C-alpha atoms as a PDB file:
ATOM      1  CA  MET A   1     -22.082   9.453-125.676  1.00  0.00           C
ATOM      2  CA  ASP A   2     -20.947  12.952-127.403  1.00  0.00           C
ATOM      3  CA  THR A   3     -24.620  14.300-127.034  1.00  0.00           C
ATOM      4  CA  LEU A   4     -25.067  13.223-123.445  1.00  0.00           C
ATOM      5  CA  LEU A   5     -21.713  14.868-122.286  1.00  0.00           C
ATOM      6  CA  THR A   6     -22.528  17.850-124.143  1.00  0.00           C
ATOM      7  CA  ILE A   7     -25.997  18.088-122.417  1.00  0.00           C
ATOM      8  CA  VAL A   8     -24.187  17.505-119.071  1.00  0.00           C
ATOM      9  CA  HIS A   9     -21.733  20.191-119.929  1.00  0.00           C
ATOM     10  CA  VAL A  10     -24.335  22.761-120.708  1.00  0.00           C
ATOM     11  CA  CYS A  11     -26.211  22.061-117.523  1.00  0.00           C
ATOM     12  CA  VAL A  12     -23.174  22.214-115.260  1.00  0.00           C
ATOM     13  CA  CYS A  13     -22.172  25.546-116.985  1.00  0.00           C
ATOM     14  CA  LEU A  14     -25.645  27.006-116.211  1.00  0.00           C
ATOM     15  CA  PHE A  15     -25.618  25.783-112.942  1.00  0.00           C
ATOM     16  CA  LEU A  16     -22.003  27.123-112.424  1.00  0.00           C
ATOM     17  CA  VAL A  17     -23.163  30.586-113.513  1.00  0.00           C
ATOM     18  CA  GLY A  18     -26.133  30.534-111.126  1.00  0.00           C
ATOM     19  CA  ILE A  19     -24.211  29.448-107.893  1.00  0.00           C
ATOM     20  CA  VAL A  20     -21.586  32.099-108.598  1.00  0.00           C
ATOM     21  CA  LEU A  21     -24.373  34.627-108.783  1.00  0.00           C
ATOM     22  CA  LEU A  22     -25.732  33.575-105.598  1.00  0.00           C
ATOM     23  CA  GLN A  23     -22.884  34.100-103.574  1.00  0.00           C
ATOM     24  CA  HIS A  24     -22.161  37.462-101.661  1.00  0.00           C
ATOM     25  CA  GLY A  25     -19.073  39.310-102.546  1.00  0.00           C
ATOM     26  CA  LYS A  26     -16.208  39.889 -99.947  1.00  0.00           C
ATOM     27  CA  GLY A  27     -17.441  43.475 -99.115  1.00  0.00           C
ATOM     28  CA  ALA A  28     -21.170  42.544 -98.990  1.00  0.00           C
ATOM     29  CA  ASP A  29     -21.084  42.091 -95.215  1.00  0.00           C
ATOM     30  CA  ILE A  30     -19.986  45.671 -94.575  1.00  0.00           C
ATOM     31  CA  GLY A  31     -23.269  47.376 -94.187  1.00  0.00           C
ATOM     32  CA  ALA A  32     -24.408  45.013 -91.701  1.00  0.00           C
ATOM     33  CA  THR A  33     -21.656  46.567 -89.419  1.00  0.00           C
ATOM     34  CA  PHE A  34     -22.815  49.889 -89.695  1.00  0.00           C
ATOM     35  CA  GLY A  35     -26.326  49.552 -88.559  1.00  0.00           C
ATOM     36  CA  GLY A  36     -27.593  47.273 -91.390  1.00  0.00           C
ATOM     37  CA  SER A  37     -30.019  44.419 -90.840  1.00  0.00           C
ATOM     38  CA  SER A  38     -28.043  41.253 -89.648  1.00  0.00           C
ATOM     39  CA  GLN A  39     -30.239  38.399 -90.412  1.00  0.00           C
ATOM     40  CA  SER A  40     -28.277  35.361 -89.667  1.00  0.00           C
ATOM     41  CA  LEU A  41     -30.254  32.356 -91.350  1.00  0.00           C
ATOM     42  CA  PHE A  42     -27.235  30.138 -91.744  1.00  0.00           C
ATOM     43  CA  GLY A  43     -25.371  31.251 -88.520  1.00  0.00           C
ATOM     44  CA  THR A  44     -22.412  33.678 -88.075  1.00  0.00           C
ATOM     45  CA  GLU A  45     -20.498  32.429 -91.227  1.00  0.00           C
ATOM     46  CA  GLY A  46     -23.540  32.310 -93.393  1.00  0.00           C
ATOM     47  CA  PRO A  47     -24.056  29.992 -96.457  1.00  0.00           C
ATOM     48  CA  LEU A  48     -20.381  30.287 -97.470  1.00  0.00           C
ATOM     49  CA  PRO A  49     -19.152  26.752 -96.539  1.00  0.00           C
ATOM     50  CA  LEU A  50     -22.003  25.095 -98.227  1.00  0.00           C
ATOM     51  CA  LEU A  51     -22.080  27.248-101.430  1.00  0.00           C
ATOM     52  CA  ASN A  52     -18.229  27.011-101.524  1.00  0.00           C
ATOM     53  CA  LYS A  53     -18.329  23.117-101.690  1.00  0.00           C
ATOM     54  CA  ILE A  54     -21.336  23.250-104.318  1.00  0.00           C
ATOM     55  CA  THR A  55     -19.145  25.772-106.264  1.00  0.00           C
ATOM     56  CA  THR A  56     -16.165  23.639-106.265  1.00  0.00           C
ATOM     57  CA  ALA A  57     -17.683  20.600-107.260  1.00  0.00           C
ATOM     58  CA  ALA A  58     -19.683  22.144-110.010  1.00  0.00           C
ATOM     59  CA  ALA A  59     -16.156  23.641-111.506  1.00  0.00           C
ATOM     60  CA  VAL A  60     -14.616  20.285-111.154  1.00  0.00           C
ATOM     61  CA  ILE A  61     -17.226  18.653-113.178  1.00  0.00           C
ATOM     62  CA  PHE A  62     -17.182  21.420-115.746  1.00  0.00           C
ATOM     63  CA  MET A  63     -13.532  20.960-116.102  1.00  0.00           C
ATOM     64  CA  LEU A  64     -13.773  17.271-116.286  1.00  0.00           C
ATOM     65  CA  THR A  65     -16.449  17.530-119.209  1.00  0.00           C
ATOM     66  CA  SER A  66     -14.546  20.142-120.973  1.00  0.00           C
ATOM     67  CA  VAL A  67     -11.315  18.044-121.154  1.00  0.00           C
ATOM     68  CA  THR A  68     -13.303  14.897-121.964  1.00  0.00           C
ATOM     69  CA  LEU A  69     -14.965  16.762-124.811  1.00  0.00           C
ATOM     70  CA  ALA A  70     -11.803  18.027-126.195  1.00  0.00           C
ATOM     71  CA  TYR A  71     -10.387  14.628-126.066  1.00  0.00           C
ATOM     72  CA  ILE A  72     -13.294  13.115-127.758  1.00  0.00           C
ATOM     73  CA  SER A  73     -13.536  15.566-130.644  1.00  0.00           C
ATOM     74  CA  SER A  74      -9.776  15.378-131.292  1.00  0.00           C
ATOM     75  CA  GLN A  75     -10.051  11.502-131.613  1.00  0.00           C
ATOM     76  CA  SER A  76     -13.094  11.277-133.615  1.00  0.00           C
ATOM     77  CA  SER A  77     -12.383  13.668-136.340  1.00  0.00           C
ATOM     78  CA  THR A  78     -10.749  11.854-139.271  1.00  0.00           C
ATOM     79  CA  SER A  79     -11.516  14.578-141.824  1.00  0.00           C
ATOM     80  CA  SER A  80     -10.832  18.077-142.353  1.00  0.00           C
ATOM     81  CA  VAL A  81     -13.759  20.752-143.118  1.00  0.00           C
ATOM     82  CA  MET A  82     -11.669  21.785-146.095  1.00  0.00           C
ATOM     83  CA  SER A  83     -11.337  18.189-147.361  1.00  0.00           C
ATOM     84  CA  GLY A  84     -13.920  18.403-150.145  1.00  0.00           C
ATOM     85  CA  VAL A  85     -12.620  21.836-151.381  1.00  0.00           C
ATOM     86  CA  SER A  86     -10.471  21.840-154.417  1.00  0.00           C
ATOM     87  CA  MET A  87      -7.771  24.301-154.877  1.00  0.00           C
ATOM     88  CA  PRO A  88      -8.341  27.145-157.270  1.00  0.00           C
ATOM     89  CA  ALA A  89      -5.678  27.883-160.124  1.00  0.00           C
ATOM     90  CA  ALA A  90      -3.127  30.341-159.324  1.00  0.00           C
ATOM     91  CA  PRO A  91      -3.880  33.631-160.603  1.00  0.00           C
ATOM     92  CA  PRO A  92      -1.192  35.709-162.334  1.00  0.00           C
ATOM     93  CA  VAL A  93       1.041  37.663-159.968  1.00  0.00           C
ATOM     94  CA  ALA A  94       1.017  41.451-160.641  1.00  0.00           C
ATOM     95  CA  GLN A  95       4.351  43.098-160.233  1.00  0.00           C
ATOM     96  CA  GLN A  96       5.540  46.696-160.532  1.00  0.00           C
ATOM     97  CA  VAL A  97       9.045  47.178-162.035  1.00  0.00           C
ATOM     98  CA  ALA A  98      10.369  50.545-162.421  1.00  0.00           C
ATOM     99  CA  GLY A  99       6.954  52.328-163.207  1.00  0.00           C
ATOM    100  CA  GLU A 100       5.801  49.594-165.547  1.00  0.00           C
ATOM    101  CA  ASP A 101       2.969  47.135-164.549  1.00  0.00           C
ATOM    102  CA  LYS A 102       3.850  43.472-165.547  1.00  0.00           C
ATOM    103  CA  VAL A 103       1.821  40.628-164.790  1.00  0.00           C
ATOM    104  CA  MET A 104       4.021  37.672-164.194  1.00  0.00           C
ATOM    105  CA  GLU A 105       2.742  34.247-165.194  1.00  0.00           C
ATOM    106  CA  PRO A 106       3.118  31.238-162.925  1.00  0.00           C
ATOM    107  CA  VAL A 107       6.237  29.354-163.261  1.00  0.00           C
ATOM    108  CA  ALA A 108       4.395  26.151-164.502  1.00  0.00           C
ATOM    109  CA  THR A 109       3.178  28.060-167.440  1.00  0.00           C
ATOM    110  CA  LYS A 110       6.678  29.114-168.489  1.00  0.00           C
ATOM    111  CA  ALA A 111       8.461  25.647-168.036  1.00  0.00           C
ATOM    112  CA  THR A 112       5.579  24.199-170.105  1.00  0.00           C
ATOM    113  CA  GLU A 113       6.340  26.924-173.055  1.00  0.00           C
ATOM    114  CA  ALA A 114       9.941  26.395-172.456  1.00  0.00           C
ATOM    115  CA  ALA A 115       9.460  22.552-173.218  1.00  0.00           C
ATOM    116  CA  ASP A 116       7.247  23.144-176.098  1.00  0.00           C
ATOM    117  CA  ALA A 117       9.523  25.558-177.715  1.00  0.00           C
ATOM    118  CA  ALA A 118      12.505  23.214-177.545  1.00  0.00           C
ATOM    119  CA  PRO A 119      13.451  21.234-180.670  1.00  0.00           C
ATOM    120  CA  ALA A 120      12.619  17.548-180.565  1.00  0.00           C
ATOM    121  CA  ALA A 121      15.651  15.502-179.508  1.00  0.00           C
ATOM    122  CA  PRO A 122      17.340  13.214-182.217  1.00  0.00           C
ATOM    123  CA  ALA A 123      16.684   9.630-182.470  1.00  0.00           C
ATOM    124  CA  ALA A 124      18.843   7.431-180.219  1.00  0.00           C
ATOM    125  CA  ALA A 125      21.622   5.365-182.183  1.00  0.00           C
ATOM    126  CA  THR A 126      20.885   2.025-182.418  1.00  0.00           C
ATOM    127  CA  GLY A 127      24.440   0.514-182.554  1.00  0.00           C
ATOM    128  CA  SER A 128      24.485  -0.120-186.045  1.00  0.00           C
ATOM    129  CA  GLU A 129      25.042   2.916-188.277  1.00  0.00           C
ATOM    130  CA  GLN A 130      24.364   2.901-192.063  1.00  0.00           C
ATOM    131  CA  LYS A 131      27.064   4.298-194.224  1.00  0.00           C
END
């Protein structure tokens, strides 16, 4: 379904570009009023009504396929591109204090060192003390 919708979307996109390039600009008829050739194959208005309808239909189809593809891609994605990547360890942060370069260690390392340096807690009293 996704592949078919993507193919339709690309085809409509290319068709829309082509049909817009076939249309005349607003100032294209000014040359015919000052002696240019006025060949009117499609009558006095030219092919504008037909090309306008085709352009509008192609634009509506393009917008519908765009919205549908966006909806399908948001509903079908269950994982992220970054789901398989592990987080790297945080490097030490360099901090310059009063002209001296110091390397600050991560907070978790300081907390671990403080816990290791603390004396062991005394054994809890059991209620029956010996004298």
